[in-house]
Structure formats: structure tokens, C-alpha cells
Amino acid sequence: MPRVSRALLACVFLPLAAVAAPQTYVLDPLHSFPNFTVNHLGMSTIHGRFDRMSGKIVLDQAAKTGSLEARIATASVNTGDAKRADGTRARDEHLRTPDFFNSSEFPDMIYKSTKFNFNGEALESVDGNLTLVGVTKPVKLTLVSFKCGAHPFSKKPMCGADAEATIKRTDFGVKFGVPGISDEVKLMINIEAYPE
């Protein structure tokens, strides 16, 4: 093949390869939080979140593949009851003990994906494994929303998502208070991420 033809083909296909290449995104810690709800005594719903999460997403839209790894600092649990004036143990302090997250021994809850599931061009769910207090179990994240595009103010590329899952904490050996404090925990995770 003539040298000029090879050069022209390279000009055409190299940009396409660059567009199709996997892109790595880093979670924005100021806009990415795992939230949860749990039924309390059959009477009300307690809401909480973790204030510190880090991680990376690798996304290949053309190949419809990707990966996600997220680390959630269990000691950053926040249910709005962090400290009490009367000196009694606050709920957030209790959640950090071996009754629940055992944060001193297991400082991180870790989610690692095994498969991204697309329906056409849309990313619908992520299969993966959640490791909590040293126990690893499969957990599917369902994407309520997922979008990539330009940040409306900075114009920098970004991706955002809202994901949901329901787990049973006893599957991970966290049995304290069941059934008064429900076994089922609903997770809602909001993520914003930017190219590495």
C-alpha cells in the first residue's frame, strides 16, 4: 500500500480509536455519597449516609463494557446522631462498633464490579461484589439514571449516576437488633465522576 494511503487511513481511524477507547473516571468526593434507609422497630425509617467514598470507573461505551471500584469509609457513617450532650452513646458511635460496621477492624466497605449491563446504548445495571465486615457477597446495582456529558458550568466532561440496591445485612453477618432493626437495607448511591 502506498505510503500516502497508509497516512490517510491513519488519519481516519486513529481519531475513531481514540473516541472508542476506554475512559477512566475518578469519583468526585464532594458529589458522590452512598445513602441508606433501614426500618426501625416497624415504626419509622432511619436515613443515613457515608460521608467519604472514593473510587474509579472505567467506561468503554463503544464496546459496552466497564468496571467500577468504590471504597466507602465505614467510620464516616452519618445518621444525624453523632454526639449526645448527656454523654450516652450516639447511634453513629454504635454503628462503628462490632455490632454493625466494626470500623476499627474493617475501615472500608468495598464494591468491585464484575460486569456492566447495557440495553442498547443505555447502561442499566452493574453486577459486582460487596465486601462488608470481611464478608463478600454479590450485589447488583440498578441504574435509575446514568448520563455522560459536559458539566453545565465548567464545560469539562463528566458522568453522573444514581444507583440502587437492596441487601440483607445478615448475609454479611451483621445480625444486631434483627428484626427490630430490619434485616433489609436499601442503598441509594449518587455518583459524579470526572476523567482521570
Protein backbone atom coordinates (compact mmCIF):
# COMPACT_ATOMS: atom_id res chain seq x y z
CA MET A 1 0.00 0.00 0.00
CA PRO A 2 1.40 3.43 -0.91
CA ARG A 3 2.74 5.48 1.97
CA VAL A 4 0.21 8.28 1.29
CA SER A 5 -2.74 5.86 1.52
CA ARG A 6 -1.46 4.46 4.83
CA ALA A 7 -1.17 8.00 6.17
CA LEU A 8 -4.72 8.83 5.09
CA LEU A 9 -6.09 5.67 6.73
CA ALA A 10 -4.25 6.52 9.92
CA CYS A 11 -5.80 10.00 9.90
CA VAL A 12 -9.26 8.45 9.60
CA PHE A 13 -9.01 5.57 12.04
CA LEU A 14 -6.80 6.94 14.83
CA PRO A 15 -9.38 9.54 15.95
CA LEU A 16 -12.08 6.82 15.89
CA ALA A 17 -9.90 4.58 18.05
CA ALA A 18 -9.36 7.44 20.48
CA VAL A 19 -13.11 8.04 20.74
CA ALA A 20 -13.78 4.34 21.28
CA ALA A 21 -11.01 3.86 23.82
CA PRO A 22 -11.95 3.11 27.42
CA GLN A 23 -12.08 6.23 29.59
CA THR A 24 -11.20 6.25 33.29
CA TYR A 25 -13.21 8.49 35.61
CA VAL A 26 -12.44 9.36 39.23
CA LEU A 27 -15.33 9.79 41.69
CA ASP A 28 -15.85 13.34 42.88
CA PRO A 29 -15.81 13.03 46.71
CA LEU A 30 -17.90 16.20 47.11
CA HIS A 31 -20.77 14.89 44.99
CA SER A 32 -20.65 11.10 45.49
CA PHE A 33 -22.36 9.60 48.54
CA PRO A 34 -23.81 6.20 49.43
CA ASN A 35 -27.13 6.70 51.24
CA PHE A 36 -29.19 4.05 53.03
CA THR A 37 -32.52 3.52 54.73
CA VAL A 38 -33.48 0.94 57.34
CA ASN A 39 -36.78 0.31 59.10
CA HIS A 40 -36.66 0.94 62.85
CA LEU A 41 -38.96 -1.03 65.19
CA GLY A 42 -41.54 -1.39 62.42
CA MET A 43 -42.47 2.23 63.14
CA SER A 44 -40.26 4.54 61.10
CA THR A 45 -37.45 4.72 58.56
CA ILE A 46 -33.97 5.81 59.58
CA HIS A 47 -31.96 7.57 56.87
CA GLY A 48 -28.18 7.68 56.79
CA ARG A 49 -25.21 8.09 54.54
CA PHE A 50 -21.45 7.67 54.41
CA ASP A 51 -19.57 10.95 54.12
CA ARG A 52 -16.43 9.54 52.46
CA MET A 53 -16.28 7.45 49.30
CA SER A 54 -13.54 7.16 46.69
CA GLY A 55 -13.21 5.14 43.54
CA LYS A 56 -12.79 4.83 39.81
CA ILE A 57 -14.96 3.93 36.85
CA VAL A 58 -13.64 2.65 33.53
CA LEU A 59 -16.17 3.03 30.75
CA ASP A 60 -15.99 1.85 27.15
CA GLN A 61 -19.23 2.96 25.53
CA ALA A 62 -18.31 1.51 22.13
CA ALA A 63 -17.54 -1.96 23.48
CA LYS A 64 -20.34 -1.70 26.08
CA THR A 65 -18.02 -2.72 28.88
CA GLY A 66 -16.66 -1.15 32.01
CA SER A 67 -15.61 -1.55 35.60
CA LEU A 68 -16.25 0.14 38.90
CA GLU A 69 -14.35 0.01 42.17
CA ALA A 70 -15.51 2.07 45.14
CA ARG A 71 -14.25 2.29 48.73
CA ILE A 72 -16.57 3.58 51.42
CA ALA A 73 -15.12 4.66 54.76
CA THR A 74 -17.35 2.91 57.32
CA ALA A 75 -16.33 5.31 60.12
CA SER A 76 -17.87 8.15 58.10
CA VAL A 77 -21.40 6.81 58.71
CA ASN A 78 -23.78 9.67 59.46
CA THR A 79 -27.39 9.25 60.60
CA GLY A 80 -27.71 12.64 62.29
CA ASP A 81 -26.96 11.28 65.78
CA ALA A 82 -23.21 11.81 66.11
CA LYS A 83 -22.82 13.01 69.70
CA ARG A 84 -25.13 13.43 72.67
CA ALA A 85 -24.95 16.17 75.28
CA ASP A 86 -25.88 13.74 78.09
CA GLY A 87 -22.88 11.53 77.36
CA THR A 88 -24.86 8.46 76.26
CA ARG A 89 -23.62 6.60 73.21
CA ALA A 90 -24.88 8.12 69.98
CA ARG A 91 -26.30 5.97 67.16
CA ASP A 92 -23.39 6.78 64.82
CA GLU A 93 -20.92 5.69 67.53
CA HIS A 94 -22.82 2.41 67.93
CA LEU A 95 -22.82 1.81 64.17
CA ARG A 96 -19.00 1.94 64.21
CA THR A 97 -18.76 -0.88 66.79
CA PRO A 98 -18.54 -4.65 66.12
CA ASP A 99 -22.36 -4.79 66.42
CA PHE A 100 -22.53 -3.22 62.95
CA PHE A 101 -19.64 -1.96 60.77
CA ASN A 102 -16.72 -2.71 63.11
CA SER A 103 -14.91 0.27 61.64
CA SER A 104 -11.69 -0.19 63.61
CA GLU A 105 -11.11 -3.65 62.11
CA PHE A 106 -12.80 -3.06 58.74
CA PRO A 107 -12.31 0.61 57.83
CA ASP A 108 -13.57 0.18 54.26
CA MET A 109 -16.61 -1.30 52.61
CA ILE A 110 -15.57 -2.19 49.05
CA TYR A 111 -17.62 -2.66 45.89
CA LYS A 112 -15.98 -4.19 42.79
CA SER A 113 -17.93 -4.72 39.61
CA THR A 114 -17.84 -7.91 37.58
CA LYS A 115 -19.99 -6.78 34.62
CA PHE A 116 -21.64 -3.68 33.16
CA ASN A 117 -25.07 -4.46 31.67
CA PHE A 118 -26.20 -2.36 28.70
CA ASN A 119 -29.56 -2.23 26.95
CA GLY A 120 -28.70 -0.75 23.59
CA GLU A 121 -26.70 2.39 24.37
CA ALA A 122 -28.00 2.68 27.93
CA LEU A 123 -26.12 1.34 30.94
CA GLU A 124 -28.87 -0.28 33.03
CA SER A 125 -27.13 -2.13 35.84
CA VAL A 126 -23.83 -3.26 37.29
CA ASP A 127 -23.11 -6.73 38.66
CA GLY A 128 -20.46 -6.89 41.34
CA ASN A 129 -19.33 -7.94 44.79
CA LEU A 130 -19.71 -6.01 48.02
CA THR A 131 -17.26 -6.67 50.84
CA LEU A 132 -18.61 -5.64 54.25
CA VAL A 133 -17.02 -6.59 57.61
CA GLY A 134 -14.78 -9.07 55.80
CA VAL A 135 -17.62 -10.90 54.02
CA THR A 136 -18.02 -10.70 50.24
CA LYS A 137 -21.40 -11.20 48.54
CA PRO A 138 -22.77 -10.47 45.05
CA VAL A 139 -24.78 -7.26 44.78
CA LYS A 140 -26.43 -5.86 41.64
CA LEU A 141 -26.67 -2.08 41.33
CA THR A 142 -29.66 -0.91 39.27
CA LEU A 143 -29.07 2.39 37.48
CA VAL A 144 -32.01 4.74 38.00
CA SER A 145 -30.17 7.29 35.87
CA PHE A 146 -26.85 7.45 34.04
CA LYS A 147 -25.54 10.23 31.85
CA CYS A 148 -22.23 11.48 30.49
CA GLY A 149 -21.71 14.92 29.01
CA ALA A 150 -20.26 18.36 29.58
CA HIS A 151 -20.51 19.96 33.04
CA PRO A 152 -23.04 22.79 32.60
CA PHE A 153 -20.74 25.40 34.19
CA SER A 154 -17.11 24.32 33.62
CA LYS A 155 -17.89 22.53 30.32
CA LYS A 156 -15.50 19.73 31.38
CA PRO A 157 -16.55 16.15 30.55
CA MET A 158 -18.19 14.20 33.37
CA CYS A 159 -20.52 11.32 34.12
CA GLY A 160 -23.26 11.11 36.73
CA ALA A 161 -25.39 8.25 38.03
CA ASP A 162 -27.95 7.26 40.62
CA ALA A 163 -27.86 3.58 41.59
CA GLU A 164 -29.99 1.46 43.92
CA ALA A 165 -29.72 -1.94 45.57
CA THR A 166 -31.26 -3.80 48.49
CA ILE A 167 -29.13 -6.04 50.69
CA LYS A 168 -29.72 -8.21 53.75
CA ARG A 169 -27.21 -7.29 56.41
CA THR A 170 -27.41 -10.76 57.98
CA ASP A 171 -25.87 -12.10 54.73
CA PHE A 172 -22.74 -10.25 55.87
CA GLY A 173 -23.01 -11.46 59.48
CA VAL A 174 -24.42 -8.16 60.81
CA LYS A 175 -27.23 -9.51 63.00
CA PHE A 176 -27.57 -6.98 65.82
CA GLY A 177 -31.16 -5.95 66.56
CA VAL A 178 -32.90 -8.06 63.89
CA PRO A 179 -35.88 -7.94 63.43
CA GLY A 180 -36.49 -4.72 65.41
CA ILE A 181 -33.89 -3.06 63.20
CA SER A 182 -34.73 -4.51 59.81
CA ASP A 183 -32.51 -7.01 58.05
CA GLU A 184 -33.17 -5.37 54.66
CA VAL A 185 -31.21 -2.22 53.95
CA LYS A 186 -31.94 -0.11 50.87
CA LEU A 187 -28.90 1.54 49.29
CA MET A 188 -29.06 4.64 47.10
CA ILE A 189 -25.74 5.78 45.66
CA ASN A 190 -25.29 9.06 43.82
CA ILE A 191 -22.09 9.47 41.82
CA GLU A 192 -20.41 12.23 39.85
CA ALA A 193 -17.08 11.45 38.20
CA TYR A 194 -14.50 13.20 36.01
CA PRO A 195 -11.83 11.90 33.62
CA GLU A 196 -8.59 10.87 35.32
